[in-house]
Amino acid sequence: MSSLVVETLLIGLGTYLLRALSLALGGRAPWPDGVRRWLSFVTPGVLGALLGPVLFLSGDGRVALDLENPALIAAVPTALFAWWSRRLFPTVVLGVLCYTAAMYWL
């Protein structure tokens, strides 16, 4: 097996074990305050790691902070609507519509 396959399997196993243990023990044992505080930073960190390259980089890896970046243009009204409404489904629909419109007009 190649090292990439082994690495992927180990990452998958680690992810599975973390989720299985947290589900199995999470309801029974109280989490220490330090762990709960640390876990509160995971969601924003993962979201930033996923959205950052999509919003701020072009397909060839250069920084694209201009009006020709449809993802960045669509993200602005979508983020404002998400902040205002705090509803997931309408935000996703608006994001898809904004991105489609930006792709069409650019």
N, C-alpha and C. Protein backbone atom coordinates (compact mmCIF):
# COMPACT_ATOMS: atom_id res chain seq x y z
N MET A 1 0.83 -1.18 0.00
CA MET A 1 0.00 0.00 0.00
C MET A 1 0.87 1.24 0.00
N SER A 2 0.40 2.23 -0.71
CA SER A 2 1.18 3.47 -0.75
C SER A 2 1.01 4.24 0.56
N SER A 3 1.92 5.16 0.79
CA SER A 3 1.86 5.93 2.03
C SER A 3 0.62 6.83 2.07
N LEU A 4 0.15 7.26 0.91
CA LEU A 4 -1.05 8.08 0.86
C LEU A 4 -2.28 7.30 1.32
N VAL A 5 -2.37 6.05 0.91
CA VAL A 5 -3.50 5.20 1.31
C VAL A 5 -3.44 4.94 2.81
N VAL A 6 -2.26 4.64 3.32
CA VAL A 6 -2.10 4.39 4.76
C VAL A 6 -2.45 5.64 5.55
N GLU A 7 -1.98 6.78 5.10
CA GLU A 7 -2.27 8.04 5.78
C GLU A 7 -3.77 8.33 5.78
N THR A 8 -4.43 8.11 4.65
CA THR A 8 -5.87 8.33 4.56
C THR A 8 -6.63 7.40 5.49
N LEU A 9 -6.23 6.14 5.54
CA LEU A 9 -6.89 5.18 6.43
C LEU A 9 -6.69 5.55 7.90
N LEU A 10 -5.49 6.00 8.26
CA LEU A 10 -5.24 6.40 9.65
C LEU A 10 -6.06 7.63 10.03
N ILE A 11 -6.16 8.58 9.12
CA ILE A 11 -6.97 9.77 9.39
C ILE A 11 -8.44 9.38 9.55
N GLY A 12 -8.92 8.50 8.69
CA GLY A 12 -10.30 8.03 8.80
C GLY A 12 -10.55 7.28 10.09
N LEU A 13 -9.62 6.44 10.49
CA LEU A 13 -9.75 5.70 11.74
C LEU A 13 -9.76 6.65 12.93
N GLY A 14 -8.86 7.62 12.92
CA GLY A 14 -8.82 8.60 14.00
C GLY A 14 -10.11 9.40 14.09
N THR A 15 -10.64 9.81 12.95
CA THR A 15 -11.90 10.55 12.94
C THR A 15 -13.03 9.69 13.48
N TYR A 16 -13.09 8.44 13.05
CA TYR A 16 -14.13 7.54 13.53
C TYR A 16 -14.04 7.32 15.03
N LEU A 17 -12.83 7.07 15.53
CA LEU A 17 -12.67 6.83 16.96
C LEU A 17 -13.04 8.06 17.79
N LEU A 18 -12.64 9.23 17.34
CA LEU A 18 -13.00 10.45 18.07
C LEU A 18 -14.52 10.64 18.14
N ARG A 19 -15.17 10.41 17.03
CA ARG A 19 -16.63 10.59 17.02
C ARG A 19 -17.33 9.50 17.81
N ALA A 20 -16.88 8.27 17.67
CA ALA A 20 -17.51 7.17 18.40
C ALA A 20 -17.34 7.34 19.90
N LEU A 21 -16.14 7.72 20.33
CA LEU A 21 -15.91 7.91 21.77
C LEU A 21 -16.70 9.09 22.31
N SER A 22 -16.77 10.17 21.55
CA SER A 22 -17.53 11.32 22.05
C SER A 22 -19.02 11.01 22.13
N LEU A 23 -19.53 10.20 21.19
CA LEU A 23 -20.94 9.81 21.26
C LEU A 23 -21.18 8.83 22.39
N ALA A 24 -20.25 7.89 22.58
CA ALA A 24 -20.43 6.88 23.62
C ALA A 24 -20.27 7.46 25.02
N LEU A 25 -19.32 8.34 25.19
CA LEU A 25 -19.03 8.88 26.52
C LEU A 25 -19.58 10.27 26.76
N GLY A 26 -19.94 10.96 25.71
CA GLY A 26 -20.34 12.36 25.86
C GLY A 26 -21.56 12.57 26.72
N GLY A 27 -22.54 11.68 26.63
CA GLY A 27 -23.75 11.84 27.42
C GLY A 27 -23.59 11.37 28.85
N ARG A 28 -22.63 10.52 29.10
CA ARG A 28 -22.48 9.93 30.43
C ARG A 28 -21.49 10.66 31.32
N ALA A 29 -20.44 11.13 30.73
CA ALA A 29 -19.38 11.76 31.53
C ALA A 29 -19.35 13.26 31.24
N PRO A 30 -19.22 14.08 32.24
CA PRO A 30 -19.12 15.52 31.98
C PRO A 30 -17.76 15.87 31.38
N TRP A 31 -17.78 16.79 30.45
CA TRP A 31 -16.54 17.24 29.82
C TRP A 31 -15.90 18.29 30.71
N PRO A 32 -14.60 18.23 30.90
CA PRO A 32 -13.92 19.29 31.66
C PRO A 32 -14.07 20.64 30.94
N ASP A 33 -14.05 21.71 31.72
CA ASP A 33 -14.23 23.04 31.15
C ASP A 33 -13.17 23.38 30.10
N GLY A 34 -11.93 22.95 30.31
CA GLY A 34 -10.88 23.22 29.34
C GLY A 34 -11.14 22.55 28.01
N VAL A 35 -11.64 21.31 28.04
CA VAL A 35 -11.95 20.59 26.80
C VAL A 35 -13.13 21.24 26.10
N ARG A 36 -14.15 21.61 26.86
CA ARG A 36 -15.31 22.27 26.26
C ARG A 36 -14.92 23.60 25.62
N ARG A 37 -14.05 24.33 26.29
CA ARG A 37 -13.59 25.61 25.73
C ARG A 37 -12.78 25.37 24.46
N TRP A 38 -11.90 24.37 24.48
CA TRP A 38 -11.09 24.05 23.31
C TRP A 38 -11.99 23.62 22.15
N LEU A 39 -13.00 22.80 22.43
CA LEU A 39 -13.90 22.34 21.37
C LEU A 39 -14.73 23.47 20.78
N SER A 40 -14.94 24.53 21.53
CA SER A 40 -15.71 25.65 20.99
C SER A 40 -14.97 26.37 19.87
N PHE A 41 -13.66 26.17 19.77
CA PHE A 41 -12.87 26.80 18.71
C PHE A 41 -12.76 25.92 17.45
N VAL A 42 -13.19 24.68 17.54
CA VAL A 42 -13.03 23.76 16.41
C VAL A 42 -13.91 24.16 15.24
N THR A 43 -15.18 24.43 15.48
CA THR A 43 -16.10 24.77 14.38
C THR A 43 -15.67 26.01 13.61
N PRO A 44 -15.37 27.13 14.26
CA PRO A 44 -14.90 28.29 13.48
C PRO A 44 -13.59 28.02 12.76
N GLY A 45 -12.71 27.24 13.37
CA GLY A 45 -11.43 26.93 12.72
C GLY A 45 -11.61 26.10 11.47
N VAL A 46 -12.45 25.08 11.55
CA VAL A 46 -12.71 24.23 10.39
C VAL A 46 -13.44 25.02 9.31
N LEU A 47 -14.42 25.82 9.71
CA LEU A 47 -15.15 26.62 8.73
C LEU A 47 -14.22 27.59 8.01
N GLY A 48 -13.33 28.23 8.75
CA GLY A 48 -12.37 29.14 8.12
C GLY A 48 -11.41 28.41 7.20
N ALA A 49 -10.98 27.22 7.61
CA ALA A 49 -10.05 26.44 6.77
C ALA A 49 -10.72 25.97 5.48
N LEU A 50 -12.01 25.69 5.54
CA LEU A 50 -12.72 25.26 4.34
C LEU A 50 -13.10 26.43 3.43
N LEU A 51 -13.55 27.52 4.02
CA LEU A 51 -14.04 28.63 3.21
C LEU A 51 -12.94 29.57 2.73
N GLY A 52 -11.87 29.70 3.47
CA GLY A 52 -10.80 30.63 3.10
C GLY A 52 -10.27 30.42 1.70
N PRO A 53 -9.80 29.22 1.37
CA PRO A 53 -9.29 29.01 0.01
C PRO A 53 -10.35 29.16 -1.07
N VAL A 54 -11.59 28.76 -0.79
CA VAL A 54 -12.65 28.87 -1.78
C VAL A 54 -12.97 30.34 -2.08
N LEU A 55 -12.98 31.15 -1.04
CA LEU A 55 -13.37 32.55 -1.22
C LEU A 55 -12.24 33.45 -1.71
N PHE A 56 -11.02 33.18 -1.29
CA PHE A 56 -9.95 34.14 -1.51
C PHE A 56 -8.89 33.70 -2.51
N LEU A 57 -8.96 32.48 -3.02
CA LEU A 57 -7.98 32.01 -4.00
C LEU A 57 -8.66 31.66 -5.30
N SER A 58 -7.97 31.91 -6.40
CA SER A 58 -8.49 31.51 -7.70
C SER A 58 -8.09 30.06 -7.97
N GLY A 59 -8.50 29.55 -9.11
CA GLY A 59 -8.20 28.17 -9.46
C GLY A 59 -6.73 27.87 -9.57
N ASP A 60 -5.92 28.86 -9.93
CA ASP A 60 -4.48 28.63 -10.08
C ASP A 60 -3.70 28.96 -8.81
N GLY A 61 -4.40 29.28 -7.71
CA GLY A 61 -3.73 29.49 -6.44
C GLY A 61 -3.35 30.92 -6.11
N ARG A 62 -3.67 31.86 -6.98
CA ARG A 62 -3.34 33.26 -6.68
C ARG A 62 -4.47 33.88 -5.86
N VAL A 63 -4.13 34.91 -5.11
CA VAL A 63 -5.13 35.61 -4.30
C VAL A 63 -6.06 36.38 -5.23
N ALA A 64 -7.36 36.21 -5.06
CA ALA A 64 -8.35 36.82 -5.94
C ALA A 64 -9.32 37.66 -5.13
N LEU A 65 -8.89 38.84 -4.72
CA LEU A 65 -9.75 39.75 -3.97
C LEU A 65 -10.26 40.85 -4.89
N ASP A 66 -10.93 40.45 -5.95
CA ASP A 66 -11.41 41.42 -6.92
C ASP A 66 -12.88 41.13 -7.25
N LEU A 67 -13.44 41.96 -8.10
CA LEU A 67 -14.85 41.81 -8.47
C LEU A 67 -15.07 40.75 -9.54
N GLU A 68 -14.04 40.01 -9.90
CA GLU A 68 -14.18 38.92 -10.85
C GLU A 68 -14.21 37.57 -10.14
N ASN A 69 -14.28 37.56 -8.83
CA ASN A 69 -14.33 36.34 -8.04
C ASN A 69 -15.78 36.07 -7.65
N PRO A 70 -16.47 35.15 -8.36
CA PRO A 70 -17.89 34.95 -8.09
C PRO A 70 -18.17 34.40 -6.69
N ALA A 71 -17.29 33.60 -6.15
CA ALA A 71 -17.51 33.06 -4.80
C ALA A 71 -17.48 34.17 -3.76
N LEU A 72 -16.57 35.10 -3.91
CA LEU A 72 -16.47 36.21 -2.97
C LEU A 72 -17.67 37.15 -3.10
N ILE A 73 -18.09 37.39 -4.32
CA ILE A 73 -19.26 38.25 -4.55
C ILE A 73 -20.51 37.61 -3.96
N ALA A 74 -20.69 36.32 -4.14
CA ALA A 74 -21.87 35.63 -3.61
C ALA A 74 -21.82 35.49 -2.10
N ALA A 75 -20.63 35.44 -1.52
CA ALA A 75 -20.51 35.25 -0.08
C ALA A 75 -20.97 36.46 0.72
N VAL A 76 -20.83 37.65 0.17
CA VAL A 76 -21.17 38.86 0.93
C VAL A 76 -22.67 38.92 1.24
N PRO A 77 -23.57 38.88 0.24
CA PRO A 77 -25.00 38.91 0.60
C PRO A 77 -25.44 37.66 1.36
N THR A 78 -24.82 36.53 1.08
CA THR A 78 -25.18 35.31 1.78
C THR A 78 -24.82 35.40 3.26
N ALA A 79 -23.64 35.90 3.56
CA ALA A 79 -23.23 36.04 4.96
C ALA A 79 -24.10 37.06 5.69
N LEU A 80 -24.43 38.15 5.03
CA LEU A 80 -25.31 39.15 5.66
C LEU A 80 -26.69 38.57 5.94
N PHE A 81 -27.22 37.81 4.98
CA PHE A 81 -28.53 37.19 5.18
C PHE A 81 -28.47 36.14 6.29
N ALA A 82 -27.41 35.36 6.35
CA ALA A 82 -27.27 34.36 7.40
C ALA A 82 -27.20 35.02 8.77
N TRP A 83 -26.48 36.11 8.86
CA TRP A 83 -26.37 36.83 10.12
C TRP A 83 -27.72 37.42 10.54
N TRP A 84 -28.47 37.92 9.56
CA TRP A 84 -29.75 38.55 9.85
C TRP A 84 -30.83 37.51 10.17
N SER A 85 -30.92 36.43 9.37
CA SER A 85 -32.02 35.48 9.52
C SER A 85 -31.73 34.34 10.50
N ARG A 86 -30.48 33.92 10.57
CA ARG A 86 -30.08 32.78 11.40
C ARG A 86 -30.85 31.51 11.03
N ARG A 87 -31.14 31.36 9.75
CA ARG A 87 -31.84 30.17 9.24
C ARG A 87 -30.99 29.54 8.15
N LEU A 88 -30.76 28.24 8.26
CA LEU A 88 -29.82 27.56 7.38
C LEU A 88 -30.36 27.39 5.96
N PHE A 89 -31.54 26.80 5.81
CA PHE A 89 -32.03 26.46 4.47
C PHE A 89 -32.19 27.68 3.57
N PRO A 90 -32.85 28.76 4.03
CA PRO A 90 -32.94 29.93 3.15
C PRO A 90 -31.57 30.53 2.83
N THR A 91 -30.64 30.43 3.76
CA THR A 91 -29.29 30.94 3.50
C THR A 91 -28.61 30.13 2.41
N VAL A 92 -28.76 28.81 2.45
CA VAL A 92 -28.16 27.96 1.41
C VAL A 92 -28.79 28.27 0.06
N VAL A 93 -30.11 28.42 0.02
CA VAL A 93 -30.79 28.74 -1.24
C VAL A 93 -30.30 30.08 -1.79
N LEU A 94 -30.23 31.08 -0.92
CA LEU A 94 -29.74 32.39 -1.36
C LEU A 94 -28.30 32.30 -1.84
N GLY A 95 -27.46 31.55 -1.15
CA GLY A 95 -26.07 31.40 -1.56
C GLY A 95 -25.94 30.77 -2.94
N VAL A 96 -26.74 29.74 -3.19
CA VAL A 96 -26.71 29.09 -4.51
C VAL A 96 -27.18 30.06 -5.59
N LEU A 97 -28.25 30.79 -5.30
CA LEU A 97 -28.75 31.76 -6.28
C LEU A 97 -27.75 32.88 -6.54
N CYS A 98 -27.14 33.39 -5.49
CA CYS A 98 -26.14 34.46 -5.66
C CYS A 98 -24.93 33.96 -6.44
N TYR A 99 -24.47 32.76 -6.13
CA TYR A 99 -23.31 32.22 -6.84
C TYR A 99 -23.65 31.97 -8.31
N THR A 100 -24.84 31.44 -8.56
CA THR A 100 -25.26 31.21 -9.95
C THR A 100 -25.34 32.53 -10.71
N ALA A 101 -25.92 33.54 -10.09
CA ALA A 101 -26.01 34.85 -10.74
C ALA A 101 -24.62 35.44 -10.98
N ALA A 102 -23.74 35.32 -10.01
CA ALA A 102 -22.38 35.85 -10.18
C ALA A 102 -21.64 35.12 -11.29
N MET A 103 -21.81 33.81 -11.37
CA MET A 103 -21.16 33.05 -12.45
C MET A 103 -21.74 33.44 -13.81
N TYR A 104 -23.03 33.68 -13.87
CA TYR A 104 -23.68 34.03 -15.13
C TYR A 104 -23.23 35.41 -15.62
N TRP A 105 -23.18 36.38 -14.71
CA TRP A 105 -22.85 37.75 -15.13
C TRP A 105 -21.37 38.02 -15.23
N LEU A 106 -20.55 37.20 -14.62
CA LEU A 106 -19.11 37.42 -14.74
C LEU A 106 -18.60 36.58 -15.87
